[in-house]
C-alpha cells in the first residue's frame, strides 16, 4: 500500500511540474506529432502517405492544393485558410480513401 501511495504522489508531482499541459495534447504547434486535427492550433493534422507520421501543418493558401473536410481528422492536403474555399469534385470513393483534392479559391473577391 505504501508503494502505491509513493507512486501516486510521484505521478502527481510530475503532473504538477508541467507548466502548461495544453501544449501536450492540444494546441500543438506546426511540426509536432498529432493524431487528429483538433489537436493542432492550425486545425490541420497532415501526413504525406499512409505510412508516414502525422504532424500539425499550416492550412492551405490561395491557389494551393487542398482537401475537403474529412471525418478521419487527418489530411493528405490541408484544408484552406479562413475565407477560402476548396473547389473539389467530391466522389464517394474519394471520400472513403481521403483523396478528394482540389484548389483553394477566394470566392468572396469575385462578388462585388
PDB file of N, CA and C in Angstrom:
ATOM      1  N   UNK A   1       0.818  -1.191   0.000  1.00  0.00           N
ATOM      2  CA  UNK A   1       0.000   0.000   0.000  1.00  0.00           C
ATOM      3  C   UNK A   1       0.866   1.262   0.000  1.00  0.00           C
ATOM      4  N   UNK A   2       1.964   1.208   0.733  1.00  0.00           N
ATOM      5  CA  UNK A   2       2.860   2.358   0.784  1.00  0.00           C
ATOM      6  C   UNK A   2       3.493   2.634  -0.578  1.00  0.00           C
ATOM      7  N   UNK A   3       3.824   1.569  -1.307  1.00  0.00           N
ATOM      8  CA  UNK A   3       4.423   1.736  -2.633  1.00  0.00           C
ATOM      9  C   UNK A   3       3.452   2.407  -3.598  1.00  0.00           C
ATOM     10  N   UNK A   4       2.185   2.030  -3.513  1.00  0.00           N
ATOM     11  CA  UNK A   4       1.165   2.631  -4.376  1.00  0.00           C
ATOM     12  C   UNK A   4       1.014   4.108  -4.046  1.00  0.00           C
ATOM     13  N   UNK A   5       1.033   4.442  -2.775  1.00  0.00           N
ATOM     14  CA  UNK A   5       0.918   5.826  -2.356  1.00  0.00           C
ATOM     15  C   UNK A   5       2.104   6.651  -2.843  1.00  0.00           C
ATOM     16  N   UNK A   6       3.304   6.092  -2.749  1.00  0.00           N
ATOM     17  CA  UNK A   6       4.504   6.781  -3.223  1.00  0.00           C
ATOM     18  C   UNK A   6       4.432   6.995  -4.733  1.00  0.00           C
ATOM     19  N   UNK A   7       3.995   5.987  -5.481  1.00  0.00           N
ATOM     20  CA  UNK A   7       3.856   6.130  -6.933  1.00  0.00           C
ATOM     21  C   UNK A   7       2.812   7.180  -7.299  1.00  0.00           C
ATOM     22  N   UNK A   8       1.721   7.208  -6.554  1.00  0.00           N
ATOM     23  CA  UNK A   8       0.681   8.198  -6.800  1.00  0.00           C
ATOM     24  C   UNK A   8       1.196   9.606  -6.538  1.00  0.00           C
ATOM     25  N   UNK A   9       1.908   9.794  -5.445  1.00  0.00           N
ATOM     26  CA  UNK A   9       2.487  11.099  -5.134  1.00  0.00           C
ATOM     27  C   UNK A   9       3.523  11.519  -6.169  1.00  0.00           C
ATOM     28  N   UNK A  10       4.309  10.568  -6.641  1.00  0.00           N
ATOM     29  CA  UNK A  10       5.305  10.851  -7.670  1.00  0.00           C
ATOM     30  C   UNK A  10       4.624  11.276  -8.977  1.00  0.00           C
ATOM     31  N   UNK A  11       3.570  10.571  -9.354  1.00  0.00           N
ATOM     32  CA  UNK A  11       2.824  10.915 -10.570  1.00  0.00           C
ATOM     33  C   UNK A  11       2.195  12.300 -10.452  1.00  0.00           C
ATOM     34  N   UNK A  12       1.643  12.624  -9.300  1.00  0.00           N
ATOM     35  CA  UNK A  12       1.079  13.957  -9.091  1.00  0.00           C
ATOM     36  C   UNK A  12       2.145  15.043  -9.146  1.00  0.00           C
ATOM     37  N   UNK A  13       3.321  14.768  -8.606  1.00  0.00           N
ATOM     38  CA  UNK A  13       4.412  15.745  -8.640  1.00  0.00           C
ATOM     39  C   UNK A  13       4.855  16.021 -10.070  1.00  0.00           C
ATOM     40  N   UNK A  14       4.938  14.981 -10.885  1.00  0.00           N
ATOM     41  CA  UNK A  14       5.327  15.160 -12.282  1.00  0.00           C
ATOM     42  C   UNK A  14       4.250  15.938 -13.032  1.00  0.00           C
ATOM     43  N   UNK A  15       2.987  15.604 -12.807  1.00  0.00           N
ATOM     44  CA  UNK A  15       1.887  16.310 -13.474  1.00  0.00           C
ATOM     45  C   UNK A  15       1.837  17.774 -13.055  1.00  0.00           C
ATOM     46  N   UNK A  16       2.100  18.042 -11.805  1.00  0.00           N
ATOM     47  CA  UNK A  16       2.088  19.411 -11.296  1.00  0.00           C
ATOM     48  C   UNK A  16       3.264  20.218 -11.836  1.00  0.00           C
ATOM     49  N   UNK A  17       4.369  19.567 -12.146  1.00  0.00           N
ATOM     50  CA  UNK A  17       5.568  20.256 -12.626  1.00  0.00           C
ATOM     51  C   UNK A  17       5.436  20.742 -14.064  1.00  0.00           C
ATOM     52  N   UNK A  18       4.517  20.179 -14.828  1.00  0.00           N
ATOM     53  CA  UNK A  18       4.312  20.612 -16.216  1.00  0.00           C
ATOM     54  C   UNK A  18       3.713  22.009 -16.190  1.00  0.00           C
ATOM     55  N   UNK A  19       4.378  23.009 -16.810  1.00  0.00           N
ATOM     56  CA  UNK A  19       3.911  24.389 -16.704  1.00  0.00           C
ATOM     57  C   UNK A  19       2.568  24.644 -17.394  1.00  0.00           C
ATOM     58  N   UNK A  20       2.360  24.116 -18.594  1.00  0.00           N
ATOM     59  CA  UNK A  20       1.123  24.361 -19.325  1.00  0.00           C
ATOM     60  C   UNK A  20       0.731  23.082 -20.054  1.00  0.00           C
ATOM     61  N   UNK A  21      -0.124  22.258 -19.458  1.00  0.00           N
ATOM     62  CA  UNK A  21      -0.436  20.956 -20.050  1.00  0.00           C
ATOM     63  C   UNK A  21      -1.187  21.032 -21.368  1.00  0.00           C
ATOM     64  N   UNK A  22      -1.729  22.207 -21.745  1.00  0.00           N
ATOM     65  CA  UNK A  22      -2.470  22.308 -23.002  1.00  0.00           C
ATOM     66  C   UNK A  22      -1.592  22.045 -24.216  1.00  0.00           C
ATOM     67  N   UNK A  23      -0.295  22.275 -24.136  1.00  0.00           N
ATOM     68  CA  UNK A  23       0.600  22.059 -25.254  1.00  0.00           C
ATOM     69  C   UNK A  23       1.039  20.618 -25.426  1.00  0.00           C
ATOM     70  N   UNK A  24       0.597  19.739 -24.542  1.00  0.00           N
ATOM     71  CA  UNK A  24       0.982  18.332 -24.626  1.00  0.00           C
ATOM     72  C   UNK A  24       0.011  17.564 -25.516  1.00  0.00           C
ATOM     73  N   UNK A  25      -1.284  17.852 -25.384  1.00  0.00           N
ATOM     74  CA  UNK A  25      -2.299  17.096 -26.111  1.00  0.00           C
ATOM     75  C   UNK A  25      -3.043  17.973 -27.120  1.00  0.00           C
ATOM     76  N   UNK A  26      -3.303  19.229 -26.763  1.00  0.00           N
ATOM     77  CA  UNK A  26      -3.985  20.144 -27.673  1.00  0.00           C
ATOM     78  C   UNK A  26      -3.155  21.409 -27.846  1.00  0.00           C
ATOM     79  N   UNK A  27      -3.550  22.251 -28.792  1.00  0.00           N
ATOM     80  CA  UNK A  27      -2.813  23.476 -29.122  1.00  0.00           C
ATOM     81  C   UNK A  27      -1.388  23.175 -29.571  1.00  0.00           C
ATOM     82  N   UNK A  28      -1.220  22.121 -30.352  1.00  0.00           N
ATOM     83  CA  UNK A  28       0.106  21.740 -30.818  1.00  0.00           C
ATOM     84  C   UNK A  28       0.586  22.684 -31.912  1.00  0.00           C
ATOM     85  N   UNK A  29       1.866  22.963 -31.927  1.00  0.00           N
ATOM     86  CA  UNK A  29       2.488  23.838 -32.928  1.00  0.00           C
ATOM     87  C   UNK A  29       2.743  23.069 -34.223  1.00  0.00           C
ATOM     88  N   UNK A  30       3.041  23.794 -35.294  1.00  0.00           N
ATOM     89  CA  UNK A  30       3.369  23.169 -36.570  1.00  0.00           C
ATOM     90  C   UNK A  30       4.594  22.272 -36.414  1.00  0.00           C
ATOM     91  N   UNK A  31       4.516  21.084 -36.986  1.00  0.00           N
ATOM     92  CA  UNK A  31       5.624  20.144 -36.931  1.00  0.00           C
ATOM     93  C   UNK A  31       5.525  19.121 -35.812  1.00  0.00           C
ATOM     94  N   UNK A  32       4.647  19.349 -34.847  1.00  0.00           N
ATOM     95  CA  UNK A  32       4.501  18.398 -33.744  1.00  0.00           C
ATOM     96  C   UNK A  32       3.600  17.237 -34.167  1.00  0.00           C
ATOM     97  N   UNK A  33       3.891  16.054 -33.633  1.00  0.00           N
ATOM     98  CA  UNK A  33       3.106  14.858 -33.949  1.00  0.00           C
ATOM     99  C   UNK A  33       1.676  15.003 -33.446  1.00  0.00           C
ATOM    100  N   UNK A  34       0.712  14.511 -34.239  1.00  0.00           N
ATOM    101  CA  UNK A  34      -0.689  14.602 -33.867  1.00  0.00           C
ATOM    102  C   UNK A  34      -1.433  13.341 -34.304  1.00  0.00           C
ATOM    103  N   UNK A  35      -2.605  13.151 -33.721  1.00  0.00           N
ATOM    104  CA  UNK A  35      -3.471  12.033 -34.083  1.00  0.00           C
ATOM    105  C   UNK A  35      -4.752  12.503 -34.749  1.00  0.00           C
ATOM    106  N   UNK A  36      -5.083  13.808 -34.579  1.00  0.00           N
ATOM    107  CA  UNK A  36      -6.296  14.361 -35.137  1.00  0.00           C
ATOM    108  C   UNK A  36      -6.118  15.867 -35.278  1.00  0.00           C
ATOM    109  N   UNK A  37      -6.806  16.461 -36.234  1.00  0.00           N
ATOM    110  CA  UNK A  37      -6.677  17.894 -36.496  1.00  0.00           C
ATOM    111  C   UNK A  37      -7.133  18.759 -35.333  1.00  0.00           C
ATOM    112  N   UNK A  38      -7.987  18.250 -34.478  1.00  0.00           N
ATOM    113  CA  UNK A  38      -8.469  19.008 -33.318  1.00  0.00           C
ATOM    114  C   UNK A  38      -7.310  19.374 -32.398  1.00  0.00           C
ATOM    115  N   UNK A  39      -6.263  18.582 -32.396  1.00  0.00           N
ATOM    116  CA  UNK A  39      -5.127  18.825 -31.510  1.00  0.00           C
ATOM    117  C   UNK A  39      -4.269  20.005 -31.957  1.00  0.00           C
ATOM    118  N   UNK A  40      -4.300  20.357 -33.226  1.00  0.00           N
ATOM    119  CA  UNK A  40      -3.397  21.368 -33.785  1.00  0.00           C
ATOM    120  C   UNK A  40      -3.985  22.769 -33.694  1.00  0.00           C
ATOM    121  N   UNK A  41      -3.114  23.753 -33.456  1.00  0.00           N
ATOM    122  CA  UNK A  41      -3.554  25.147 -33.484  1.00  0.00           C
ATOM    123  C   UNK A  41      -4.109  25.500 -34.852  1.00  0.00           C
ATOM    124  N   UNK A  42      -3.491  24.976 -35.910  1.00  0.00           N
ATOM    125  CA  UNK A  42      -3.925  25.274 -37.274  1.00  0.00           C
ATOM    126  C   UNK A  42      -5.144  24.471 -37.695  1.00  0.00           C
ATOM    127  N   UNK A  43      -5.521  23.480 -36.911  1.00  0.00           N
ATOM    128  CA  UNK A  43      -6.638  22.563 -37.211  1.00  0.00           C
ATOM    129  C   UNK A  43      -6.367  21.723 -38.453  1.00  0.00           C
ATOM    130  N   UNK A  44      -5.076  21.401 -38.695  1.00  0.00           N
ATOM    131  CA  UNK A  44      -4.715  20.513 -39.799  1.00  0.00           C
ATOM    132  C   UNK A  44      -3.637  19.544 -39.349  1.00  0.00           C
ATOM    133  N   UNK A  45      -4.022  18.278 -39.216  1.00  0.00           N
ATOM    134  CA  UNK A  45      -3.081  17.196 -38.927  1.00  0.00           C
ATOM    135  C   UNK A  45      -2.799  16.532 -40.269  1.00  0.00           C
ATOM    136  N   UNK A  46      -1.571  16.650 -40.755  1.00  0.00           N
ATOM    137  CA  UNK A  46      -1.207  16.298 -42.131  1.00  0.00           C
ATOM    138  C   UNK A  46      -0.243  15.128 -42.165  1.00  0.00           C
ATOM    139  N   UNK A  47      -0.417  14.268 -43.161  1.00  0.00           N
ATOM    140  CA  UNK A  47       0.558  13.197 -43.409  1.00  0.00           C
ATOM    141  C   UNK A  47       0.823  13.131 -44.904  1.00  0.00           C
ATOM    142  N   UNK A  48       2.041  12.706 -45.266  1.00  0.00           N
ATOM    143  CA  UNK A  48       2.423  12.636 -46.673  1.00  0.00           C
ATOM    144  C   UNK A  48       1.907  11.370 -47.343  1.00  0.00           C
ATOM    145  N   UNK A  49       1.892  10.263 -46.604  1.00  0.00           N
ATOM    146  CA  UNK A  49       1.430   8.991 -47.168  1.00  0.00           C
ATOM    147  C   UNK A  49       0.757   8.185 -46.058  1.00  0.00           C
ATOM    148  N   UNK A  50       0.183   7.064 -46.423  1.00  0.00           N
ATOM    149  CA  UNK A  50      -0.491   6.220 -45.450  1.00  0.00           C
ATOM    150  C   UNK A  50       0.441   5.622 -44.413  1.00  0.00           C
ATOM    151  N   UNK A  51       1.737   5.601 -44.695  1.00  0.00           N
ATOM    152  CA  UNK A  51       2.704   5.018 -43.761  1.00  0.00           C
ATOM    153  C   UNK A  51       3.499   6.053 -42.979  1.00  0.00           C
ATOM    154  N   UNK A  52       3.283   7.343 -43.266  1.00  0.00           N
ATOM    155  CA  UNK A  52       4.054   8.375 -42.583  1.00  0.00           C
ATOM    156  C   UNK A  52       3.349   8.827 -41.304  1.00  0.00           C
ATOM    157  N   UNK A  53       4.115   9.465 -40.428  1.00  0.00           N
ATOM    158  CA  UNK A  53       3.558  10.013 -39.191  1.00  0.00           C
ATOM    159  C   UNK A  53       2.824  11.315 -39.501  1.00  0.00           C
ATOM    160  N   UNK A  54       1.778  11.580 -38.759  1.00  0.00           N
ATOM    161  CA  UNK A  54       1.006  12.810 -38.946  1.00  0.00           C
ATOM    162  C   UNK A  54       1.589  13.915 -38.084  1.00  0.00           C
ATOM    163  N   UNK A  55       1.670  15.112 -38.672  1.00  0.00           N
ATOM    164  CA  UNK A  55       2.193  16.277 -37.960  1.00  0.00           C
ATOM    165  C   UNK A  55       1.300  17.477 -38.231  1.00  0.00           C
ATOM    166  N   UNK A  56       1.266  18.393 -37.287  1.00  0.00           N
ATOM    167  CA  UNK A  56       0.498  19.618 -37.481  1.00  0.00           C
ATOM    168  C   UNK A  56       1.136  20.443 -38.592  1.00  0.00           C
ATOM    169  N   UNK A  57       0.301  21.002 -39.458  1.00  0.00           N
ATOM    170  CA  UNK A  57       0.780  21.774 -40.601  1.00  0.00           C
ATOM    171  C   UNK A  57      -0.115  22.990 -40.799  1.00  0.00           C
ATOM    172  N   UNK A  58       0.399  24.018 -41.495  1.00  0.00           N
ATOM    173  CA  UNK A  58      -0.438  25.196 -41.751  1.00  0.00           C
ATOM    174  C   UNK A  58      -1.516  24.879 -42.780  1.00  0.00           C
ATOM    175  N   UNK A  59      -2.605  25.625 -42.732  1.00  0.00           N
ATOM    176  CA  UNK A  59      -3.680  25.437 -43.705  1.00  0.00           C
ATOM    177  C   UNK A  59      -3.213  25.889 -45.080  1.00  0.00           C
ATOM    178  N   UNK A  60      -3.881  25.390 -46.111  1.00  0.00           N
ATOM    179  CA  UNK A  60      -3.505  25.687 -47.494  1.00  0.00           C
ATOM    180  C   UNK A  60      -3.847  27.129 -47.854  1.00  0.00           C
ATOM    181  N   UNK A  61      -2.971  27.749 -48.633  1.00  0.00           N
ATOM    182  CA  UNK A  61      -3.157  29.129 -49.076  1.00  0.00           C
ATOM    183  C   UNK A  61      -3.881  29.159 -50.415  1.00  0.00           C
ATOM    184  N   UNK A  62      -4.202  30.357 -50.866  1.00  0.00           N
ATOM    185  CA  UNK A  62      -4.896  30.514 -52.134  1.00  0.00           C
ATOM    186  C   UNK A  62      -4.087  29.906 -53.277  1.00  0.00           C
ATOM    187  N   UNK A  63      -4.755  29.199 -54.167  1.00  0.00           N
ATOM    188  CA  UNK A  63      -4.184  28.506 -55.330  1.00  0.00           C
ATOM    189  C   UNK A  63      -3.365  27.272 -54.964  1.00  0.00           C
ATOM    190  N   UNK A  64      -3.394  26.856 -53.697  1.00  0.00           N
ATOM    191  CA  UNK A  64      -2.694  25.642 -53.275  1.00  0.00           C
ATOM    192  C   UNK A  64      -3.660  24.465 -53.307  1.00  0.00           C
ATOM    193  N   UNK A  65      -3.088  23.251 -53.375  1.00  0.00           N
ATOM    194  CA  UNK A  65      -3.922  22.058 -53.306  1.00  0.00           C
ATOM    195  C   UNK A  65      -4.509  21.933 -51.909  1.00  0.00           C
ATOM    196  N   UNK A  66      -5.740  21.402 -51.848  1.00  0.00           N
ATOM    197  CA  UNK A  66      -6.428  21.282 -50.571  1.00  0.00           C
ATOM    198  C   UNK A  66      -7.287  20.026 -50.558  1.00  0.00           C
ATOM    199  N   UNK A  67      -7.755  19.687 -49.378  1.00  0.00           N
ATOM    200  CA  UNK A  67      -8.698  18.585 -49.192  1.00  0.00           C
ATOM    201  C   UNK A  67      -9.996  19.148 -48.666  1.00  0.00           C
ATOM    202  N   UNK A  68     -11.076  18.517 -49.042  1.00  0.00           N
ATOM    203  CA  UNK A  68     -12.364  18.843 -48.437  1.00  0.00           C
ATOM    204  C   UNK A  68     -12.357  18.291 -47.018  1.00  0.00           C
ATOM    205  N   UNK A  69     -13.324  18.667 -46.215  1.00  0.00           N
ATOM    206  CA  UNK A  69     -13.418  18.181 -44.843  1.00  0.00           C
ATOM    207  C   UNK A  69     -13.470  16.659 -44.824  1.00  0.00           C
ATOM    208  N   UNK A  70     -12.752  16.063 -43.889  1.00  0.00           N
ATOM    209  CA  UNK A  70     -12.754  14.614 -43.739  1.00  0.00           C
ATOM    210  C   UNK A  70     -13.154  14.231 -42.317  1.00  0.00           C
ATOM    211  N   UNK A  71     -13.861  13.142 -42.187  1.00  0.00           N
ATOM    212  CA  UNK A  71     -14.262  12.662 -40.869  1.00  0.00           C
ATOM    213  C   UNK A  71     -13.098  12.060 -40.098  1.00  0.00           C
ATOM    214  N   UNK A  72     -12.046  11.647 -40.822  1.00  0.00           N
ATOM    215  CA  UNK A  72     -10.907  10.998 -40.174  1.00  0.00           C
ATOM    216  C   UNK A  72     -10.093  11.967 -39.320  1.00  0.00           C
ATOM    217  N   UNK A  73     -10.076  13.255 -39.691  1.00  0.00           N
ATOM    218  CA  UNK A  73      -9.318  14.241 -38.934  1.00  0.00           C
ATOM    219  C   UNK A  73      -7.854  14.305 -39.307  1.00  0.00           C
ATOM    220  N   UNK A  74      -7.437  13.545 -40.327  1.00  0.00           N
ATOM    221  CA  UNK A  74      -6.066  13.580 -40.819  1.00  0.00           C
ATOM    222  C   UNK A  74      -6.125  13.808 -42.330  1.00  0.00           C
ATOM    223  N   UNK A  75      -5.315  14.726 -42.806  1.00  0.00           N
ATOM    224  CA  UNK A  75      -5.369  15.136 -44.210  1.00  0.00           C
ATOM    225  C   UNK A  75      -4.079  14.809 -44.954  1.00  0.00           C
ATOM    226  N   UNK A  76      -4.214  14.497 -46.249  1.00  0.00           N
ATOM    227  CA  UNK A  76      -3.053  14.397 -47.134  1.00  0.00           C
ATOM    228  C   UNK A  76      -2.750  15.771 -47.726  1.00  0.00           C
ATOM    229  N   UNK A  77      -3.766  16.608 -47.848  1.00  0.00           N
ATOM    230  CA  UNK A  77      -3.641  18.019 -48.228  1.00  0.00           C
ATOM    231  C   UNK A  77      -4.474  18.783 -47.217  1.00  0.00           C
ATOM    232  N   UNK A  78      -3.918  19.831 -46.624  1.00  0.00           N
ATOM    233  CA  UNK A  78      -4.641  20.573 -45.590  1.00  0.00           C
ATOM    234  C   UNK A  78      -5.824  21.327 -46.178  1.00  0.00           C
ATOM    235  N   UNK A  79      -6.854  21.569 -45.357  1.00  0.00           N
ATOM    236  CA  UNK A  79      -7.962  22.401 -45.815  1.00  0.00           C
ATOM    237  C   UNK A  79      -7.500  23.854 -45.979  1.00  0.00           C
ATOM    238  N   UNK A  80      -8.328  24.666 -46.599  1.00  0.00           N
ATOM    239  CA  UNK A  80      -7.968  26.054 -46.910  1.00  0.00           C
ATOM    240  C   UNK A  80      -7.987  26.954 -45.679  1.00  0.00           C
ATOM    241  N   UNK A  81      -7.235  28.060 -45.792  1.00  0.00           N
ATOM    242  CA  UNK A  81      -7.243  29.085 -44.760  1.00  0.00           C
ATOM    243  C   UNK A  81      -8.631  29.708 -44.673  1.00  0.00           C
ATOM    244  N   UNK A  82      -8.875  30.423 -43.593  1.00  0.00           N
ATOM    245  CA  UNK A  82     -10.157  31.092 -43.381  1.00  0.00           C
ATOM    246  C   UNK A  82     -10.439  32.067 -44.531  1.00  0.00           C
ATOM    247  N   UNK A  83     -11.638  32.022 -45.064  1.00  0.00           N
ATOM    248  CA  UNK A  83     -12.024  32.910 -46.156  1.00  0.00           C
ATOM    249  C   UNK A  83     -11.871  32.295 -47.533  1.00  0.00           C
ATOM    250  N   UNK A  84     -11.213  31.143 -47.617  1.00  0.00           N
ATOM    251  CA  UNK A  84     -11.036  30.452 -48.896  1.00  0.00           C
ATOM    252  C   UNK A  84     -11.896  29.199 -48.917  1.00  0.00           C
ATOM    253  N   UNK A  85     -12.241  28.754 -50.104  1.00  0.00           N
ATOM    254  CA  UNK A  85     -12.991  27.506 -50.226  1.00  0.00           C
ATOM    255  C   UNK A  85     -12.216  26.534 -51.091  1.00  0.00           C
ATOM    256  N   UNK A  86     -12.376  25.274 -50.787  1.00  0.00           N
ATOM    257  CA  UNK A  86     -11.697  24.216 -51.530  1.00  0.00           C
ATOM    258  C   UNK A  86     -12.631  23.753 -52.649  1.00  0.00           C
ATOM    259  N   UNK A  87     -12.333  24.153 -53.870  1.00  0.00           N
ATOM    260  CA  UNK A  87     -13.125  23.758 -55.028  1.00  0.00           C
ATOM    261  C   UNK A  87     -12.676  22.368 -55.452  1.00  0.00           C
ATOM    262  N   UNK A  88     -13.522  21.374 -55.185  1.00  0.00           N
ATOM    263  CA  UNK A  88     -13.150  19.987 -55.422  1.00  0.00           C
ATOM    264  C   UNK A  88     -14.357  19.216 -55.940  1.00  0.00           C
ATOM    265  N   UNK A  89     -14.125  18.260 -56.823  1.00  0.00           N
ATOM    266  CA  UNK A  89     -15.166  17.341 -57.271  1.00  0.00           C
ATOM    267  C   UNK A  89     -15.208  16.193 -56.279  1.00  0.00           C
ATOM    268  N   UNK A  90     -16.219  16.176 -55.435  1.00  0.00           N
ATOM    269  CA  UNK A  90     -16.312  15.145 -54.404  1.00  0.00           C
ATOM    270  C   UNK A  90     -16.897  13.867 -54.994  1.00  0.00           C
ATOM    271  N   UNK A  91     -16.268  12.740 -54.635  1.00  0.00           N
ATOM    272  CA  UNK A  91     -16.764  11.432 -55.038  1.00  0.00           C
ATOM    273  C   UNK A  91     -16.863  10.558 -53.796  1.00  0.00           C
ATOM    274  N   UNK A  92     -17.653   9.541 -53.869  1.00  0.00           N
ATOM    275  CA  UNK A  92     -17.790   8.625 -52.728  1.00  0.00           C
ATOM    276  C   UNK A  92     -16.478   7.897 -52.480  1.00  0.00           C
ATOM    277  N   UNK A  93     -15.840   7.423 -53.534  1.00  0.00           N
ATOM    278  CA  UNK A  93     -14.560   6.716 -53.385  1.00  0.00           C
ATOM    279  C   UNK A  93     -13.509   7.663 -52.819  1.00  0.00           C
ATOM    280  N   UNK A  94     -13.471   8.890 -53.304  1.00  0.00           N
ATOM    281  CA  UNK A  94     -12.515   9.868 -52.797  1.00  0.00           C
ATOM    282  C   UNK A  94     -12.747  10.197 -51.336  1.00  0.00           C
ATOM    283  N   UNK A  95     -14.023  10.215 -50.917  1.00  0.00           N
ATOM    284  CA  UNK A  95     -14.332  10.473 -49.506  1.00  0.00           C
ATOM    285  C   UNK A  95     -13.840   9.343 -48.621  1.00  0.00           C
ATOM    286  N   UNK A  96     -13.978   8.112 -49.085  1.00  0.00           N
ATOM    287  CA  UNK A  96     -13.548   6.957 -48.299  1.00  0.00           C
ATOM    288  C   UNK A  96     -12.029   6.872 -48.241  1.00  0.00           C
ATOM    289  N   UNK A  97     -11.367   7.127 -49.375  1.00  0.00           N
ATOM    290  CA  UNK A  97      -9.908   6.994 -49.437  1.00  0.00           C
ATOM    291  C   UNK A  97      -9.178   8.291 -49.107  1.00  0.00           C
ATOM    292  N   UNK A  98      -9.932   9.368 -48.793  1.00  0.00           N
ATOM    293  CA  UNK A  98      -9.343  10.656 -48.443  1.00  0.00           C
ATOM    294  C   UNK A  98      -8.499  11.225 -49.581  1.00  0.00           C
ATOM    295  N   UNK A  99      -9.013  11.123 -50.810  1.00  0.00           N
ATOM    296  CA  UNK A  99      -8.279  11.631 -51.976  1.00  0.00           C
ATOM    297  C   UNK A  99      -9.083  12.653 -52.769  1.00  0.00           C
ATOM    298  N   UNK A 100     -10.051  13.303 -52.149  1.00  0.00           N
ATOM    299  CA  UNK A 100     -10.792  14.382 -52.809  1.00  0.00           C
ATOM    300  C   UNK A 100      -9.961  15.656 -52.709  1.00  0.00           C
ATOM    301  N   UNK A 101      -9.074  15.884 -53.666  1.00  0.00           N
ATOM    302  CA  UNK A 101      -8.208  17.058 -53.641  1.00  0.00           C
ATOM    303  C   UNK A 101      -8.739  18.111 -54.597  1.00  0.00           C
ATOM    304  N   UNK A 102      -8.511  19.366 -54.243  1.00  0.00           N
ATOM    305  CA  UNK A 102      -8.935  20.473 -55.080  1.00  0.00           C
ATOM    306  C   UNK A 102      -7.956  21.621 -54.948  1.00  0.00           C
ATOM    307  N   UNK A 103      -8.442  22.843 -55.219  1.00  0.00           N
ATOM    308  CA  UNK A 103      -7.616  24.041 -55.168  1.00  0.00           C
ATOM    309  C   UNK A 103      -8.329  25.090 -54.326  1.00  0.00           C
ATOM    310  N   UNK A 104      -7.594  25.780 -53.469  1.00  0.00           N
ATOM    311  CA  UNK A 104      -8.167  26.841 -52.642  1.00  0.00           C
ATOM    312  C   UNK A 104      -8.422  28.089 -53.490  1.00  0.00           C
ATOM    313  N   UNK A 105      -9.661  28.558 -53.439  1.00  0.00           N
ATOM    314  CA  UNK A 105     -10.043  29.765 -54.191  1.00  0.00           C
ATOM    315  C   UNK A 105     -10.736  30.748 -53.278  1.00  0.00           C
ATOM    316  N   UNK A 106     -10.542  32.032 -53.567  1.00  0.00           N
ATOM    317  CA  UNK A 106     -11.206  33.094 -52.831  1.00  0.00           C
ATOM    318  C   UNK A 106     -12.472  33.464 -53.593  1.00  0.00           C
ATOM    319  N   UNK A 107     -13.572  32.862 -53.216  1.00  0.00           N
ATOM    320  CA  UNK A 107     -14.832  33.116 -53.916  1.00  0.00           C
ATOM    321  C   UNK A 107     -15.422  34.456 -53.519  1.00  0.00           C
ATOM    322  N   UNK A 108     -15.015  35.035 -52.422  1.00  0.00           N
ATOM    323  CA  UNK A 108     -15.540  36.326 -51.976  1.00  0.00           C
ATOM    324  C   UNK A 108     -15.032  37.491 -52.789  1.00  0.00           C
ATOM    325  N   UNK A 109     -13.857  37.397 -53.392  1.00  0.00           N
ATOM    326  CA  UNK A 109     -13.297  38.522 -54.148  1.00  0.00           C
ATOM    327  C   UNK A 109     -13.994  38.723 -55.484  1.00  0.00           C
ATOM    328  N   UNK A 110     -14.666  37.686 -56.015  1.00  0.00           N
ATOM    329  CA  UNK A 110     -15.336  37.832 -57.306  1.00  0.00           C
ATOM    330  C   UNK A 110     -16.714  38.466 -57.141  1.00  0.00           C
ATOM    331  N   UNK A 111     -17.244  38.502 -55.915  1.00  0.00           N
ATOM    332  CA  UNK A 111     -18.561  39.110 -55.659  1.00  0.00           C
ATOM    333  C   UNK A 111     -18.371  40.572 -55.267  1.00  0.00           C
ATOM    334  N   UNK A 112     -18.862  41.485 -56.065  1.00  0.00           N
ATOM    335  CA  UNK A 112     -18.778  42.924 -55.724  1.00  0.00           C
ATOM    336  C   UNK A 112     -20.049  43.619 -56.067  1.00  0.00           C
TER     337      UNK A 112
END
